[in-house]
Protein backbone atom coordinates (compact mmCIF):
# COMPACT_ATOMS: atom_id res chain seq x y z
CA MET A 1 19.28 -7.81 -4.67
CA ARG A 2 18.46 -6.06 -1.37
CA ILE A 3 15.22 -6.30 0.42
CA LEU A 4 14.32 -3.73 3.47
CA MET A 5 11.81 -4.87 6.16
CA PRO A 6 10.75 -2.35 8.75
CA LEU A 7 9.72 -3.93 11.92
CA TYR A 8 7.62 -2.71 14.79
CA GLN A 9 6.17 -3.88 17.88
CA GLY A 10 3.49 -6.75 17.34
CA PHE A 11 4.52 -7.66 13.74
CA ASP A 12 3.42 -10.76 12.39
CA LEU A 13 6.28 -13.39 12.59
CA LEU A 14 5.50 -15.25 9.36
CA ASP A 15 5.19 -12.01 7.27
CA VAL A 16 9.06 -11.59 7.82
CA CYS A 17 10.47 -14.82 8.57
CA GLY A 18 8.64 -16.87 5.74
CA PRO A 19 9.59 -14.51 2.77
CA SER A 20 13.21 -13.89 4.40
CA GLU A 21 13.72 -17.77 4.02
CA MET A 22 12.74 -17.46 0.54
CA PHE A 23 14.95 -14.37 -0.28
CA SER A 24 17.79 -16.10 1.49
CA TRP A 25 17.78 -19.00 -0.81
CA ALA A 26 17.36 -16.76 -3.74
CA GLY A 27 20.81 -15.31 -2.55
CA TYR A 28 19.20 -11.92 -1.50
CA THR A 29 20.47 -9.79 1.19
CA VAL A 30 17.66 -8.95 3.79
CA ASP A 31 17.94 -5.79 5.81
CA LEU A 32 15.89 -5.17 8.89
CA VAL A 33 15.16 -1.95 10.45
CA ALA A 34 13.19 -1.10 13.37
CA GLU A 35 10.69 1.41 14.29
CA VAL A 36 12.68 1.78 17.60
CA PRO A 37 15.85 -0.22 17.61
CA GLY A 38 16.35 -2.80 20.26
CA LYS A 39 14.20 -5.51 21.14
CA VAL A 40 11.24 -6.01 18.93
CA VAL A 41 8.76 -8.34 19.83
CA ALA A 42 6.46 -10.36 17.33
CA ASN A 43 2.79 -10.56 17.96
CA ASN A 44 3.26 -14.18 19.34
CA GLY A 45 6.18 -13.55 21.67
CA PHE A 46 9.30 -14.21 19.57
CA VAL A 47 11.91 -11.14 20.29
CA PHE A 48 14.10 -9.91 17.60
CA ASP A 49 17.38 -7.87 18.31
CA VAL A 50 17.56 -5.29 15.77
CA PRO A 51 20.33 -2.72 16.35
CA ASN A 52 19.59 -0.46 13.48
CA GLY A 53 16.42 2.12 13.55
CA LEU A 54 14.85 3.68 10.52
CA PRO A 55 17.40 5.48 8.26
CA ALA A 56 17.27 9.39 8.23
CA GLN A 57 17.79 9.18 4.51
CA ALA A 58 16.14 6.55 2.16
CA ILE A 59 18.46 4.04 0.61
CA PRO A 60 18.13 2.48 -3.08
CA TYR A 61 16.56 -1.10 -2.44
CA ASP A 62 15.28 -3.56 -4.69
CA ALA A 63 12.16 -3.99 -2.77
CA LEU A 64 10.50 -2.47 0.35
CA TRP A 65 8.72 -5.41 2.32
CA ILE A 66 5.88 -4.07 4.72
CA PRO A 67 4.72 -6.65 7.15
CA GLY A 68 1.44 -6.89 8.99
CA GLY A 69 1.03 -7.01 12.86
CA SER A 70 -1.30 -6.78 15.52
CA PRO A 71 -4.25 -4.27 15.30
CA ASP A 72 -3.45 -2.09 18.40
CA GLN A 73 -0.02 -1.47 16.82
CA LEU A 74 -1.34 -0.73 13.54
CA SER A 75 -3.69 1.40 14.67
CA ARG A 76 -1.09 3.43 16.80
CA ILE A 77 1.08 3.53 13.89
CA ILE A 78 -1.55 4.86 11.37
CA HIS A 79 -2.76 7.45 13.85
CA ASP A 80 0.51 8.62 15.03
CA PRO A 81 0.66 12.33 14.85
CA ALA A 82 4.52 12.33 14.22
CA ARG A 83 3.83 9.92 11.17
CA ASP A 84 7.46 8.71 11.81
CA LEU A 85 6.79 5.16 10.38
CA LEU A 86 4.65 6.36 7.74
CA ASP A 87 6.88 9.07 6.41
CA PHE A 88 9.61 6.49 6.38
CA LEU A 89 7.79 4.34 4.38
CA ASP A 90 6.86 7.05 1.94
CA LYS A 91 10.30 8.35 1.64
CA GLN A 92 11.70 4.74 1.33
CA ALA A 93 9.10 3.77 -1.51
CA ALA A 94 10.43 6.39 -3.77
CA GLN A 95 13.89 4.69 -3.54
CA SER A 96 12.52 1.02 -3.93
CA SER A 97 12.12 -0.73 -7.29
CA TRP A 98 9.27 -2.54 -5.64
CA VAL A 99 7.03 -1.78 -3.07
CA CYS A 100 5.44 -4.96 -1.26
CA SER A 101 3.14 -5.71 1.74
CA VAL A 102 1.71 -8.91 3.25
CA CYS A 103 -1.19 -9.46 5.20
CA GLU A 104 -2.36 -6.18 7.25
CA GLY A 105 0.82 -4.40 6.11
CA ALA A 106 -1.35 -3.13 3.12
CA LEU A 107 -3.07 -0.94 5.83
CA LEU A 108 0.33 0.78 6.68
CA ALA A 109 1.10 1.09 2.81
CA ALA A 110 -2.26 2.56 2.19
CA ALA A 111 -2.07 5.01 5.39
CA ALA A 112 1.28 6.17 3.89
CA GLY A 113 -0.38 6.92 0.45
CA LEU A 114 1.59 3.97 -1.36
CA LEU A 115 -1.29 2.30 -2.68
CA HIS A 116 -3.48 5.43 -3.68
CA GLY A 117 -4.89 4.35 -7.38
CA TYR A 118 -3.52 0.80 -7.09
CA THR A 119 -5.25 -2.49 -6.97
CA ALA A 120 -4.21 -4.45 -3.53
CA THR A 121 -5.32 -7.09 -1.29
CA THR A 122 -4.91 -7.94 2.45
CA HIS A 123 -5.89 -10.22 4.82
CA TRP A 124 -9.77 -11.04 4.29
CA ALA A 125 -10.58 -9.68 8.07
CA PHE A 126 -9.18 -6.22 7.33
CA ILE A 127 -10.45 -5.73 3.71
CA PRO A 128 -13.80 -3.73 5.36
CA TYR A 129 -11.20 -1.58 7.27
CA LEU A 130 -9.34 -0.99 3.93
CA MET A 131 -12.28 -0.26 1.93
CA GLN A 132 -13.82 2.18 4.40
CA ASN A 133 -10.72 4.22 5.21
CA TYR A 134 -9.06 4.15 2.16
CA PRO A 135 -11.42 4.52 -0.96
CA ASP A 136 -8.66 5.28 -3.29
CA VAL A 137 -7.57 1.90 -2.99
CA THR A 138 -9.04 -0.88 -5.23
CA VAL A 139 -9.60 -4.10 -3.44
CA ALA A 140 -8.88 -7.10 -5.79
CA ASP A 141 -11.67 -9.44 -6.05
CA GLY A 142 -11.61 -13.10 -4.79
CA HIS A 143 -9.01 -12.94 -2.25
CA PRO A 144 -6.00 -13.77 -4.15
CA ARG A 145 -2.93 -14.76 -2.64
CA PHE A 146 -1.03 -11.62 -4.20
CA VAL A 147 -1.66 -8.99 -6.43
CA VAL A 148 0.71 -7.27 -8.74
CA ASP A 149 -0.12 -3.69 -10.09
CA ARG A 150 2.61 -1.95 -11.56
CA ASN A 151 5.51 -1.85 -9.07
CA ARG A 152 3.33 -2.83 -6.21
CA LEU A 153 2.97 -6.29 -4.93
CA THR A 154 0.45 -7.17 -2.30
CA GLY A 155 -0.37 -10.37 -0.46
CA GLY A 156 -3.32 -11.50 1.46
CA GLY A 157 -3.24 -13.25 4.76
CA ILE A 158 -0.24 -14.14 6.48
CA SER A 159 1.04 -17.46 4.73
CA SER A 160 0.31 -15.71 1.39
CA GLY A 161 3.65 -14.15 2.10
CA LEU A 162 5.51 -17.17 0.85
CA ASP A 163 3.93 -17.20 -2.48
CA GLU A 164 4.44 -13.50 -2.75
CA ALA A 165 7.91 -13.72 -2.06
CA LEU A 166 8.37 -16.36 -4.91
CA ARG A 167 6.51 -13.93 -7.10
CA LEU A 168 9.12 -11.21 -6.22
CA ILE A 169 11.81 -13.59 -6.71
CA GLU A 170 10.42 -14.16 -10.19
CA LEU A 171 9.93 -10.27 -10.61
CA LEU A 172 13.66 -9.65 -9.86
CA SER A 173 15.62 -12.70 -10.96
CA GLY A 174 13.31 -14.83 -13.53
CA THR A 175 11.17 -17.90 -13.34
CA ALA A 176 14.21 -20.37 -12.98
CA ALA A 177 15.49 -18.69 -9.93
CA ALA A 178 11.98 -18.88 -8.38
CA GLN A 179 11.62 -22.32 -9.37
CA ASP A 180 14.94 -23.21 -7.64
CA VAL A 181 13.95 -21.60 -4.60
CA GLN A 182 10.81 -23.57 -4.66
CA GLN A 183 12.73 -26.80 -4.86
CA THR A 184 15.18 -25.88 -2.32
CA THR A 185 12.44 -25.04 0.28
CA GLN A 186 10.30 -27.82 -0.93
CA TYR A 187 7.35 -25.44 -1.33
CA TYR A 188 4.60 -27.59 -2.57
CA PRO A 189 1.46 -26.70 -0.24
CA ASP A 190 -0.85 -29.53 0.44
CA PRO A 191 -2.67 -28.53 3.63
CA PRO A 192 -4.51 -31.45 5.24
CA VAL A 193 -7.78 -29.47 5.65
CA THR A 194 -9.96 -27.38 3.80
CA SER A 195 -11.75 -24.36 4.60
CA ALA A 196 -13.66 -21.12 2.94
CA ILE A 197 -12.68 -17.69 3.70
CA PRO A 198 -15.69 -15.89 5.36
CA ASN A 199 -17.43 -13.03 4.34
CA THR A 200 -17.32 -10.36 6.90
CA ILE A 201 -18.16 -6.53 7.22
CA THR A 202 -16.45 -5.78 10.29
CA SER A 203 -12.60 -5.53 11.09
CA PRO A 204 -10.21 -6.41 14.25
CA MET A 205 -9.16 -2.93 13.91
CA PRO A 206 -9.57 -0.85 17.29
CA PRO A 207 -12.00 2.32 17.01
CA TYR A 208 -10.11 5.50 16.67
CA PRO A 209 -10.12 7.49 18.76
CA PRO A 210 -10.41 4.78 21.68
CA MET A 211 -13.63 4.40 22.96
CA ALA A 212 -13.78 5.59 26.46
CA ALA A 213 -14.00 2.78 29.01
């Protein structure tokens, strides 16, 4: 099994590293490509060296995995007149058995037209932006950890990528394979605190075009 993850400046580290760990224990190959090859800095400062840029031709993959990232970078990509990354996602989705996003990666998937007519989820803080700008996407009720709609798999906030990755492993390789990865990684969450997801009608996404200073 092969998973393709496109990276860009300001991506969410756990959206990439957590699922990659799960996929590795499943025996999958994870290929990273970068919007601009070279040093790619995650939103918390970790630096990845990604020598491969976006392929000129889409390559068949078992899954395309789209991570979230910082609002400024998401807005830049969404409103890029050249649509380099968005067009790549569109072409690659057609060559991928599964199209997946985690966290705010759903905004990029929606902007590329990949969630048109699908039910999806994303990080709670970005749901207002998704609903306002992409009304052809149905937002799932109740902030689920992940949503499966046909061959689209979308995840909620950053940590949900772990659950989502296990679900993808189950879809690709069966329940026993996913259980084996769960046991190996000792993924039995028991957080020491509890809280509730807040209701919000605003989003961290910057206005576009940018407001004058």
